[in-house]
């Protein structure tokens, strides 16, 4: 379990950045239990469909995959915490703040 703690920490920080900027967590529960933070998470933005959101975020230098490509019927994207490093958090925060301002 210790090896996965870093992914948990990164995902928690990333989720906060997204939700602070108007996003919502798409899959936050598994039946009646809260889903833990880990390798990836799903998030959406009100009124923007999966593919469009993925393209919009790319314009801000944020890569993701559309939930539609995973077979999901929910609108949003899958964000992965594995490639995040300490130096990237401030840049992601700045880009998400700009996204919010422009949307």
PDB file of N, CA and C in Angstrom:
ATOM      1  N   UNK A   1       0.808  -1.205   0.000  1.00  0.00           N
ATOM      2  CA  UNK A   1       0.000   0.000   0.000  1.00  0.00           C
ATOM      3  C   UNK A   1       0.850   1.268   0.000  1.00  0.00           C
ATOM      4  N   UNK A   2       2.021   1.221   0.613  1.00  0.00           N
ATOM      5  CA  UNK A   2       2.856   2.418   0.687  1.00  0.00           C
ATOM      6  C   UNK A   2       3.203   2.954  -0.696  1.00  0.00           C
ATOM      7  N   UNK A   3       3.363   2.061  -1.679  1.00  0.00           N
ATOM      8  CA  UNK A   3       3.734   2.499  -3.029  1.00  0.00           C
ATOM      9  C   UNK A   3       2.636   3.321  -3.690  1.00  0.00           C
ATOM     10  N   UNK A   4       1.391   3.109  -3.282  1.00  0.00           N
ATOM     11  CA  UNK A   4       0.283   3.833  -3.903  1.00  0.00           C
ATOM     12  C   UNK A   4      -0.034   5.156  -3.209  1.00  0.00           C
ATOM     13  N   UNK A   5       0.553   5.408  -2.074  1.00  0.00           N
ATOM     14  CA  UNK A   5       0.265   6.647  -1.319  1.00  0.00           C
ATOM     15  C   UNK A   5       0.598   7.907  -2.108  1.00  0.00           C
ATOM     16  N   UNK A   6       1.641   7.856  -2.922  1.00  0.00           N
ATOM     17  CA  UNK A   6       2.004   9.034  -3.705  1.00  0.00           C
ATOM     18  C   UNK A   6       0.920   9.351  -4.731  1.00  0.00           C
ATOM     19  N   UNK A   7       0.350   8.328  -5.369  1.00  0.00           N
ATOM     20  CA  UNK A   7      -0.751   8.553  -6.309  1.00  0.00           C
ATOM     21  C   UNK A   7      -1.959   9.137  -5.583  1.00  0.00           C
ATOM     22  N   UNK A   8      -2.218   8.642  -4.399  1.00  0.00           N
ATOM     23  CA  UNK A   8      -3.326   9.149  -3.590  1.00  0.00           C
ATOM     24  C   UNK A   8      -3.124  10.638  -3.297  1.00  0.00           C
ATOM     25  N   UNK A   9      -1.926  11.010  -2.904  1.00  0.00           N
ATOM     26  CA  UNK A   9      -1.614  12.410  -2.585  1.00  0.00           C
ATOM     27  C   UNK A   9      -1.787  13.299  -3.817  1.00  0.00           C
ATOM     28  N   UNK A  10      -1.231  12.858  -4.946  1.00  0.00           N
ATOM     29  CA  UNK A  10      -1.334  13.641  -6.177  1.00  0.00           C
ATOM     30  C   UNK A  10      -2.788  13.796  -6.610  1.00  0.00           C
ATOM     31  N   UNK A  11      -3.543  12.701  -6.590  1.00  0.00           N
ATOM     32  CA  UNK A  11      -4.948  12.758  -7.011  1.00  0.00           C
ATOM     33  C   UNK A  11      -5.740  13.696  -6.112  1.00  0.00           C
ATOM     34  N   UNK A  12      -5.492  13.650  -4.817  1.00  0.00           N
ATOM     35  CA  UNK A  12      -6.197  14.526  -3.881  1.00  0.00           C
ATOM     36  C   UNK A  12      -5.921  15.992  -4.220  1.00  0.00           C
ATOM     37  N   UNK A  13      -4.661  16.333  -4.492  1.00  0.00           N
ATOM     38  CA  UNK A  13      -4.300  17.712  -4.851  1.00  0.00           C
ATOM     39  C   UNK A  13      -4.930  18.120  -6.182  1.00  0.00           C
ATOM     40  N   UNK A  14      -4.874  17.216  -7.144  1.00  0.00           N
ATOM     41  CA  UNK A  14      -5.442  17.514  -8.463  1.00  0.00           C
ATOM     42  C   UNK A  14      -6.959  17.696  -8.384  1.00  0.00           C
ATOM     43  N   UNK A  15      -7.638  16.814  -7.655  1.00  0.00           N
ATOM     44  CA  UNK A  15      -9.088  16.929  -7.520  1.00  0.00           C
ATOM     45  C   UNK A  15      -9.476  18.263  -6.903  1.00  0.00           C
ATOM     46  N   UNK A  16      -8.730  18.708  -5.923  1.00  0.00           N
ATOM     47  CA  UNK A  16      -9.010  19.999  -5.294  1.00  0.00           C
ATOM     48  C   UNK A  16      -8.845  21.130  -6.304  1.00  0.00           C
ATOM     49  N   UNK A  17      -7.805  21.070  -7.118  1.00  0.00           N
ATOM     50  CA  UNK A  17      -7.601  22.106  -8.127  1.00  0.00           C
ATOM     51  C   UNK A  17      -8.766  22.142  -9.117  1.00  0.00           C
ATOM     52  N   UNK A  18      -9.201  20.969  -9.542  1.00  0.00           N
ATOM     53  CA  UNK A  18     -10.334  20.916 -10.470  1.00  0.00           C
ATOM     54  C   UNK A  18     -11.607  21.440  -9.812  1.00  0.00           C
ATOM     55  N   UNK A  19     -11.944  20.947  -8.643  1.00  0.00           N
ATOM     56  CA  UNK A  19     -13.198  21.368  -7.997  1.00  0.00           C
ATOM     57  C   UNK A  19     -13.165  22.840  -7.577  1.00  0.00           C
ATOM     58  N   UNK A  20     -12.008  23.349  -7.215  1.00  0.00           N
ATOM     59  CA  UNK A  20     -11.885  24.781  -6.890  1.00  0.00           C
ATOM     60  C   UNK A  20     -12.169  25.657  -8.105  1.00  0.00           C
ATOM     61  N   UNK A  21     -12.089  25.064  -9.289  1.00  0.00           N
ATOM     62  CA  UNK A  21     -12.266  25.825 -10.523  1.00  0.00           C
ATOM     63  C   UNK A  21     -13.516  25.418 -11.295  1.00  0.00           C
ATOM     64  N   UNK A  22     -14.543  24.980 -10.582  1.00  0.00           N
ATOM     65  CA  UNK A  22     -15.848  24.760 -11.185  1.00  0.00           C
ATOM     66  C   UNK A  22     -16.139  23.360 -11.702  1.00  0.00           C
ATOM     67  N   UNK A  23     -15.198  22.455 -11.587  1.00  0.00           N
ATOM     68  CA  UNK A  23     -15.411  21.075 -12.019  1.00  0.00           C
ATOM     69  C   UNK A  23     -16.102  20.295 -10.904  1.00  0.00           C
ATOM     70  N   UNK A  24     -16.687  19.180 -11.257  1.00  0.00           N
ATOM     71  CA  UNK A  24     -17.258  18.266 -10.274  1.00  0.00           C
ATOM     72  C   UNK A  24     -16.673  16.873 -10.509  1.00  0.00           C
ATOM     73  N   UNK A  25     -16.651  16.067  -9.464  1.00  0.00           N
ATOM     74  CA  UNK A  25     -16.154  14.700  -9.582  1.00  0.00           C
ATOM     75  C   UNK A  25     -17.302  13.849 -10.119  1.00  0.00           C
ATOM     76  N   UNK A  26     -17.051  13.125 -11.203  1.00  0.00           N
ATOM     77  CA  UNK A  26     -18.096  12.343 -11.858  1.00  0.00           C
ATOM     78  C   UNK A  26     -18.373  11.051 -11.100  1.00  0.00           C
ATOM     79  N   UNK A  27     -17.358  10.273 -10.852  1.00  0.00           N
ATOM     80  CA  UNK A  27     -17.526   9.020 -10.119  1.00  0.00           C
ATOM     81  C   UNK A  27     -16.875   9.173  -8.750  1.00  0.00           C
ATOM     82  N   UNK A  28     -17.693   9.475  -7.756  1.00  0.00           N
ATOM     83  CA  UNK A  28     -17.162   9.667  -6.407  1.00  0.00           C
ATOM     84  C   UNK A  28     -17.585   8.553  -5.459  1.00  0.00           C
ATOM     85  N   UNK A  29     -18.483   7.657  -5.941  1.00  0.00           N
ATOM     86  CA  UNK A  29     -18.968   6.571  -5.089  1.00  0.00           C
ATOM     87  C   UNK A  29     -19.011   5.266  -5.871  1.00  0.00           C
ATOM     88  N   UNK A  30     -18.803   4.181  -5.183  1.00  0.00           N
ATOM     89  CA  UNK A  30     -18.991   2.838  -5.718  1.00  0.00           C
ATOM     90  C   UNK A  30     -20.112   2.226  -4.896  1.00  0.00           C
ATOM     91  N   UNK A  31     -21.303   2.240  -5.456  1.00  0.00           N
ATOM     92  CA  UNK A  31     -22.552   1.864  -4.793  1.00  0.00           C
ATOM     93  C   UNK A  31     -22.743   2.785  -3.584  1.00  0.00           C
ATOM     94  N   UNK A  32     -22.416   2.333  -2.376  1.00  0.00           N
ATOM     95  CA  UNK A  32     -22.635   3.158  -1.188  1.00  0.00           C
ATOM     96  C   UNK A  32     -21.337   3.568  -0.498  1.00  0.00           C
ATOM     97  N   UNK A  33     -20.204   3.319  -1.148  1.00  0.00           N
ATOM     98  CA  UNK A  33     -18.907   3.646  -0.542  1.00  0.00           C
ATOM     99  C   UNK A  33     -18.182   4.709  -1.359  1.00  0.00           C
ATOM    100  N   UNK A  34     -17.536   5.611  -0.652  1.00  0.00           N
ATOM    101  CA  UNK A  34     -16.737   6.644  -1.305  1.00  0.00           C
ATOM    102  C   UNK A  34     -15.534   6.001  -1.990  1.00  0.00           C
ATOM    103  N   UNK A  35     -15.229   6.473  -3.197  1.00  0.00           N
ATOM    104  CA  UNK A  35     -14.071   5.962  -3.929  1.00  0.00           C
ATOM    105  C   UNK A  35     -12.826   6.665  -3.419  1.00  0.00           C
ATOM    106  N   UNK A  36     -11.788   5.917  -3.150  1.00  0.00           N
ATOM    107  CA  UNK A  36     -10.528   6.479  -2.672  1.00  0.00           C
ATOM    108  C   UNK A  36      -9.746   7.134  -3.793  1.00  0.00           C
ATOM    109  N   UNK A  37      -8.807   7.959  -3.436  1.00  0.00           N
ATOM    110  CA  UNK A  37      -7.949   8.612  -4.421  1.00  0.00           C
ATOM    111  C   UNK A  37      -6.838   7.656  -4.838  1.00  0.00           C
ATOM    112  N   UNK A  38      -6.480   7.733  -6.118  1.00  0.00           N
ATOM    113  CA  UNK A  38      -5.451   6.832  -6.613  1.00  0.00           C
ATOM    114  C   UNK A  38      -4.890   7.261  -7.947  1.00  0.00           C
ATOM    115  N   UNK A  39      -4.690   6.297  -8.811  1.00  0.00           N
ATOM    116  CA  UNK A  39      -4.001   6.491 -10.083  1.00  0.00           C
ATOM    117  C   UNK A  39      -4.737   7.455 -11.009  1.00  0.00           C
ATOM    118  N   UNK A  40      -6.054   7.434 -11.011  1.00  0.00           N
ATOM    119  CA  UNK A  40      -6.832   8.345 -11.839  1.00  0.00           C
ATOM    120  C   UNK A  40      -8.153   8.666 -11.155  1.00  0.00           C
ATOM    121  N   UNK A  41      -8.826   9.691 -11.684  1.00  0.00           N
ATOM    122  CA  UNK A  41     -10.151  10.064 -11.214  1.00  0.00           C
ATOM    123  C   UNK A  41     -10.906  10.664 -12.391  1.00  0.00           C
ATOM    124  N   UNK A  42     -12.203  10.811 -12.243  1.00  0.00           N
ATOM    125  CA  UNK A  42     -13.027  11.364 -13.311  1.00  0.00           C
ATOM    126  C   UNK A  42     -13.631  12.689 -12.844  1.00  0.00           C
ATOM    127  N   UNK A  43     -13.687  13.627 -13.778  1.00  0.00           N
ATOM    128  CA  UNK A  43     -14.215  14.944 -13.463  1.00  0.00           C
ATOM    129  C   UNK A  43     -14.953  15.498 -14.673  1.00  0.00           C
ATOM    130  N   UNK A  44     -15.882  16.384 -14.422  1.00  0.00           N
ATOM    131  CA  UNK A  44     -16.636  16.996 -15.502  1.00  0.00           C
ATOM    132  C   UNK A  44     -16.849  18.472 -15.238  1.00  0.00           C
ATOM    133  N   UNK A  45     -17.352  19.154 -16.244  1.00  0.00           N
ATOM    134  CA  UNK A  45     -17.621  20.584 -16.153  1.00  0.00           C
ATOM    135  C   UNK A  45     -19.025  20.811 -16.695  1.00  0.00           C
ATOM    136  N   UNK A  46     -19.871  21.413 -15.904  1.00  0.00           N
ATOM    137  CA  UNK A  46     -21.285  21.592 -16.245  1.00  0.00           C
ATOM    138  C   UNK A  46     -21.466  22.128 -17.663  1.00  0.00           C
ATOM    139  N   UNK A  47     -22.274  21.408 -18.441  1.00  0.00           N
ATOM    140  CA  UNK A  47     -22.640  21.877 -19.768  1.00  0.00           C
ATOM    141  C   UNK A  47     -21.654  21.555 -20.874  1.00  0.00           C
ATOM    142  N   UNK A  48     -20.547  20.888 -20.549  1.00  0.00           N
ATOM    143  CA  UNK A  48     -19.566  20.551 -21.580  1.00  0.00           C
ATOM    144  C   UNK A  48     -19.469  19.019 -21.676  1.00  0.00           C
ATOM    145  N   UNK A  49     -19.717  18.494 -22.869  1.00  0.00           N
ATOM    146  CA  UNK A  49     -19.675  17.044 -23.089  1.00  0.00           C
ATOM    147  C   UNK A  49     -18.243  16.526 -23.078  1.00  0.00           C
ATOM    148  N   UNK A  50     -18.115  15.238 -22.886  1.00  0.00           N
ATOM    149  CA  UNK A  50     -16.816  14.576 -22.699  1.00  0.00           C
ATOM    150  C   UNK A  50     -15.758  14.964 -23.732  1.00  0.00           C
ATOM    151  N   UNK A  51     -16.043  14.716 -25.004  1.00  0.00           N
ATOM    152  CA  UNK A  51     -15.053  14.995 -26.050  1.00  0.00           C
ATOM    153  C   UNK A  51     -14.706  16.466 -26.153  1.00  0.00           C
ATOM    154  N   UNK A  52     -15.713  17.302 -26.015  1.00  0.00           N
ATOM    155  CA  UNK A  52     -15.492  18.744 -26.064  1.00  0.00           C
ATOM    156  C   UNK A  52     -14.624  19.195 -24.886  1.00  0.00           C
ATOM    157  N   UNK A  53     -14.890  18.659 -23.708  1.00  0.00           N
ATOM    158  CA  UNK A  53     -14.100  19.015 -22.533  1.00  0.00           C
ATOM    159  C   UNK A  53     -12.646  18.592 -22.704  1.00  0.00           C
ATOM    160  N   UNK A  54     -12.440  17.396 -23.238  1.00  0.00           N
ATOM    161  CA  UNK A  54     -11.078  16.927 -23.478  1.00  0.00           C
ATOM    162  C   UNK A  54     -10.349  17.878 -24.436  1.00  0.00           C
ATOM    163  N   UNK A  55     -11.013  18.270 -25.524  1.00  0.00           N
ATOM    164  CA  UNK A  55     -10.404  19.194 -26.488  1.00  0.00           C
ATOM    165  C   UNK A  55     -10.148  20.570 -25.867  1.00  0.00           C
ATOM    166  N   UNK A  56     -11.118  21.059 -25.097  1.00  0.00           N
ATOM    167  CA  UNK A  56     -10.957  22.361 -24.443  1.00  0.00           C
ATOM    168  C   UNK A  56      -9.752  22.358 -23.508  1.00  0.00           C
ATOM    169  N   UNK A  57      -9.630  21.311 -22.700  1.00  0.00           N
ATOM    170  CA  UNK A  57      -8.505  21.233 -21.761  1.00  0.00           C
ATOM    171  C   UNK A  57      -7.171  21.140 -22.495  1.00  0.00           C
ATOM    172  N   UNK A  58      -7.162  20.476 -23.638  1.00  0.00           N
ATOM    173  CA  UNK A  58      -5.923  20.390 -24.440  1.00  0.00           C
ATOM    174  C   UNK A  58      -5.446  21.774 -24.841  1.00  0.00           C
ATOM    175  N   UNK A  59      -6.403  22.666 -25.132  1.00  0.00           N
ATOM    176  CA  UNK A  59      -6.047  24.040 -25.504  1.00  0.00           C
ATOM    177  C   UNK A  59      -5.355  24.768 -24.359  1.00  0.00           C
ATOM    178  N   UNK A  60      -5.555  24.291 -23.141  1.00  0.00           N
ATOM    179  CA  UNK A  60      -4.915  24.865 -21.952  1.00  0.00           C
ATOM    180  C   UNK A  60      -3.707  24.042 -21.515  1.00  0.00           C
ATOM    181  N   UNK A  61      -3.319  23.066 -22.329  1.00  0.00           N
ATOM    182  CA  UNK A  61      -2.147  22.253 -22.029  1.00  0.00           C
ATOM    183  C   UNK A  61      -2.391  21.172 -20.993  1.00  0.00           C
ATOM    184  N   UNK A  62      -3.657  20.755 -20.837  1.00  0.00           N
ATOM    185  CA  UNK A  62      -4.002  19.708 -19.877  1.00  0.00           C
ATOM    186  C   UNK A  62      -4.504  18.502 -20.654  1.00  0.00           C
ATOM    187  N   UNK A  63      -3.799  17.389 -20.552  1.00  0.00           N
ATOM    188  CA  UNK A  63      -4.208  16.196 -21.284  1.00  0.00           C
ATOM    189  C   UNK A  63      -5.094  15.311 -20.415  1.00  0.00           C
ATOM    190  N   UNK A  64      -5.984  14.588 -21.075  1.00  0.00           N
ATOM    191  CA  UNK A  64      -6.924  13.706 -20.398  1.00  0.00           C
ATOM    192  C   UNK A  64      -7.484  12.742 -21.436  1.00  0.00           C
ATOM    193  N   UNK A  65      -8.373  11.862 -21.005  1.00  0.00           N
ATOM    194  CA  UNK A  65      -9.117  11.053 -21.964  1.00  0.00           C
ATOM    195  C   UNK A  65     -10.605  11.249 -21.702  1.00  0.00           C
ATOM    196  N   UNK A  66     -11.365  11.188 -22.749  1.00  0.00           N
ATOM    197  CA  UNK A  66     -12.807  11.365 -22.663  1.00  0.00           C
ATOM    198  C   UNK A  66     -13.434  10.149 -21.999  1.00  0.00           C
ATOM    199  N   UNK A  67     -14.383  10.377 -21.092  1.00  0.00           N
ATOM    200  CA  UNK A  67     -15.081   9.246 -20.481  1.00  0.00           C
ATOM    201  C   UNK A  67     -15.868   8.449 -21.517  1.00  0.00           C
ATOM    202  N   UNK A  68     -16.248   9.083 -22.619  1.00  0.00           N
ATOM    203  CA  UNK A  68     -16.977   8.373 -23.670  1.00  0.00           C
ATOM    204  C   UNK A  68     -16.135   7.225 -24.230  1.00  0.00           C
ATOM    205  N   UNK A  69     -14.818   7.395 -24.287  1.00  0.00           N
ATOM    206  CA  UNK A  69     -13.955   6.337 -24.828  1.00  0.00           C
ATOM    207  C   UNK A  69     -13.806   5.167 -23.867  1.00  0.00           C
ATOM    208  N   UNK A  70     -14.240   5.335 -22.623  1.00  0.00           N
ATOM    209  CA  UNK A  70     -14.155   4.253 -21.639  1.00  0.00           C
ATOM    210  C   UNK A  70     -15.471   3.477 -21.545  1.00  0.00           C
ATOM    211  N   UNK A  71     -16.454   3.890 -22.341  1.00  0.00           N
ATOM    212  CA  UNK A  71     -17.759   3.243 -22.299  1.00  0.00           C
ATOM    213  C   UNK A  71     -18.719   3.879 -21.310  1.00  0.00           C
ATOM    214  N   UNK A  72     -18.313   4.960 -20.697  1.00  0.00           N
ATOM    215  CA  UNK A  72     -19.153   5.637 -19.713  1.00  0.00           C
ATOM    216  C   UNK A  72     -20.288   6.392 -20.390  1.00  0.00           C
ATOM    217  N   UNK A  73     -21.417   6.437 -19.739  1.00  0.00           N
ATOM    218  CA  UNK A  73     -22.540   7.244 -20.202  1.00  0.00           C
ATOM    219  C   UNK A  73     -22.542   8.618 -19.544  1.00  0.00           C
ATOM    220  N   UNK A  74     -21.639   8.822 -18.583  1.00  0.00           N
ATOM    221  CA  UNK A  74     -21.503  10.106 -17.897  1.00  0.00           C
ATOM    222  C   UNK A  74     -20.618  11.039 -18.733  1.00  0.00           C
ATOM    223  N   UNK A  75     -20.840  12.334 -18.591  1.00  0.00           N
ATOM    224  CA  UNK A  75     -20.034  13.324 -19.300  1.00  0.00           C
ATOM    225  C   UNK A  75     -18.847  13.732 -18.439  1.00  0.00           C
ATOM    226  N   UNK A  76     -17.659  13.751 -19.028  1.00  0.00           N
ATOM    227  CA  UNK A  76     -16.475  14.180 -18.300  1.00  0.00           C
ATOM    228  C   UNK A  76     -15.221  13.581 -18.882  1.00  0.00           C
ATOM    229  N   UNK A  77     -14.158  13.707 -18.113  1.00  0.00           N
ATOM    230  CA  UNK A  77     -12.845  13.212 -18.540  1.00  0.00           C
ATOM    231  C   UNK A  77     -12.221  12.387 -17.425  1.00  0.00           C
ATOM    232  N   UNK A  78     -11.248  11.600 -17.793  1.00  0.00           N
ATOM    233  CA  UNK A  78     -10.448  10.855 -16.813  1.00  0.00           C
ATOM    234  C   UNK A  78      -9.095  11.546 -16.737  1.00  0.00           C
ATOM    235  N   UNK A  79      -8.713  11.920 -15.538  1.00  0.00           N
ATOM    236  CA  UNK A  79      -7.420  12.558 -15.289  1.00  0.00           C
ATOM    237  C   UNK A  79      -6.529  11.565 -14.555  1.00  0.00           C
ATOM    238  N   UNK A  80      -5.272  11.515 -14.932  1.00  0.00           N
ATOM    239  CA  UNK A  80      -4.338  10.551 -14.351  1.00  0.00           C
ATOM    240  C   UNK A  80      -3.289  11.280 -13.517  1.00  0.00           C
ATOM    241  N   UNK A  81      -3.057  10.766 -12.320  1.00  0.00           N
ATOM    242  CA  UNK A  81      -2.106  11.406 -11.414  1.00  0.00           C
ATOM    243  C   UNK A  81      -0.680  10.889 -11.568  1.00  0.00           C
ATOM    244  N   UNK A  82      -0.483   9.862 -12.362  1.00  0.00           N
ATOM    245  CA  UNK A  82       0.837   9.212 -12.410  1.00  0.00           C
ATOM    246  C   UNK A  82       1.933  10.086 -13.003  1.00  0.00           C
ATOM    247  N   UNK A  83       1.610  10.962 -13.924  1.00  0.00           N
ATOM    248  CA  UNK A  83       2.634  11.774 -14.585  1.00  0.00           C
ATOM    249  C   UNK A  83       2.830  13.147 -13.939  1.00  0.00           C
ATOM    250  N   UNK A  84       2.112  13.409 -12.871  1.00  0.00           N
ATOM    251  CA  UNK A  84       2.260  14.693 -12.195  1.00  0.00           C
ATOM    252  C   UNK A  84       3.494  14.667 -11.294  1.00  0.00           C
ATOM    253  N   UNK A  85       4.205  15.768 -11.314  1.00  0.00           N
ATOM    254  CA  UNK A  85       5.348  15.927 -10.419  1.00  0.00           C
ATOM    255  C   UNK A  85       5.184  17.265  -9.701  1.00  0.00           C
ATOM    256  N   UNK A  86       5.963  17.465  -8.680  1.00  0.00           N
ATOM    257  CA  UNK A  86       5.824  18.683  -7.865  1.00  0.00           C
ATOM    258  C   UNK A  86       5.847  19.952  -8.703  1.00  0.00           C
ATOM    259  N   UNK A  87       6.706  20.005  -9.689  1.00  0.00           N
ATOM    260  CA  UNK A  87       6.834  21.206 -10.499  1.00  0.00           C
ATOM    261  C   UNK A  87       5.643  21.497 -11.390  1.00  0.00           C
ATOM    262  N   UNK A  88       4.760  20.523 -11.569  1.00  0.00           N
ATOM    263  CA  UNK A  88       3.621  20.696 -12.474  1.00  0.00           C
ATOM    264  C   UNK A  88       2.348  21.178 -11.776  1.00  0.00           C
ATOM    265  N   UNK A  89       2.278  21.078 -10.476  1.00  0.00           N
ATOM    266  CA  UNK A  89       1.049  21.450  -9.770  1.00  0.00           C
ATOM    267  C   UNK A  89       0.731  22.934  -9.905  1.00  0.00           C
ATOM    268  N   UNK A  90       1.699  23.796  -9.760  1.00  0.00           N
ATOM    269  CA  UNK A  90       1.452  25.242  -9.869  1.00  0.00           C
ATOM    270  C   UNK A  90       0.997  25.603 -11.281  1.00  0.00           C
ATOM    271  N   UNK A  91       1.594  24.975 -12.270  1.00  0.00           N
ATOM    272  CA  UNK A  91       1.215  25.233 -13.661  1.00  0.00           C
ATOM    273  C   UNK A  91      -0.210  24.744 -13.931  1.00  0.00           C
ATOM    274  N   UNK A  92      -0.560  23.570 -13.419  1.00  0.00           N
ATOM    275  CA  UNK A  92      -1.917  23.068 -13.606  1.00  0.00           C
ATOM    276  C   UNK A  92      -2.929  23.991 -12.931  1.00  0.00           C
ATOM    277  N   UNK A  93      -2.623  24.433 -11.744  1.00  0.00           N
ATOM    278  CA  UNK A  93      -3.515  25.350 -11.023  1.00  0.00           C
ATOM    279  C   UNK A  93      -3.745  26.622 -11.841  1.00  0.00           C
ATOM    280  N   UNK A  94      -2.668  27.179 -12.372  1.00  0.00           N
ATOM    281  CA  UNK A  94      -2.752  28.392 -13.189  1.00  0.00           C
ATOM    282  C   UNK A  94      -3.627  28.150 -14.426  1.00  0.00           C
ATOM    283  N   UNK A  95      -3.442  27.014 -15.083  1.00  0.00           N
ATOM    284  CA  UNK A  95      -4.204  26.710 -16.296  1.00  0.00           C
ATOM    285  C   UNK A  95      -5.682  26.473 -15.989  1.00  0.00           C
ATOM    286  N   UNK A  96      -5.979  25.806 -14.888  1.00  0.00           N
ATOM    287  CA  UNK A  96      -7.376  25.578 -14.512  1.00  0.00           C
ATOM    288  C   UNK A  96      -8.062  26.878 -14.107  1.00  0.00           C
ATOM    289  N   UNK A  97      -7.352  27.767 -13.461  1.00  0.00           N
ATOM    290  CA  UNK A  97      -7.907  29.075 -13.114  1.00  0.00           C
ATOM    291  C   UNK A  97      -8.240  29.867 -14.375  1.00  0.00           C
ATOM    292  N   UNK A  98      -7.374  29.792 -15.371  1.00  0.00           N
ATOM    293  CA  UNK A  98      -7.630  30.463 -16.653  1.00  0.00           C
ATOM    294  C   UNK A  98      -8.836  29.832 -17.348  1.00  0.00           C
ATOM    295  N   UNK A  99      -8.920  28.499 -17.323  1.00  0.00           N
ATOM    296  CA  UNK A  99     -10.063  27.800 -17.907  1.00  0.00           C
ATOM    297  C   UNK A  99     -11.362  28.303 -17.267  1.00  0.00           C
ATOM    298  N   UNK A 100     -11.383  28.361 -15.963  1.00  0.00           N
ATOM    299  CA  UNK A 100     -12.583  28.821 -15.245  1.00  0.00           C
ATOM    300  C   UNK A 100     -12.937  30.251 -15.640  1.00  0.00           C
ATOM    301  N   UNK A 101     -11.940  31.110 -15.684  1.00  0.00           N
ATOM    302  CA  UNK A 101     -12.161  32.511 -16.025  1.00  0.00           C
ATOM    303  C   UNK A 101     -12.765  32.647 -17.428  1.00  0.00           C
ATOM    304  N   UNK A 102     -12.330  31.800 -18.341  1.00  0.00           N
ATOM    305  CA  UNK A 102     -12.777  31.909 -19.729  1.00  0.00           C
ATOM    306  C   UNK A 102     -14.032  31.097 -20.015  1.00  0.00           C
ATOM    307  N   UNK A 103     -14.516  30.363 -19.021  1.00  0.00           N
ATOM    308  CA  UNK A 103     -15.739  29.581 -19.227  1.00  0.00           C
ATOM    309  C   UNK A 103     -16.782  29.987 -18.225  1.00  0.00           C
TER     310      UNK A 103
END
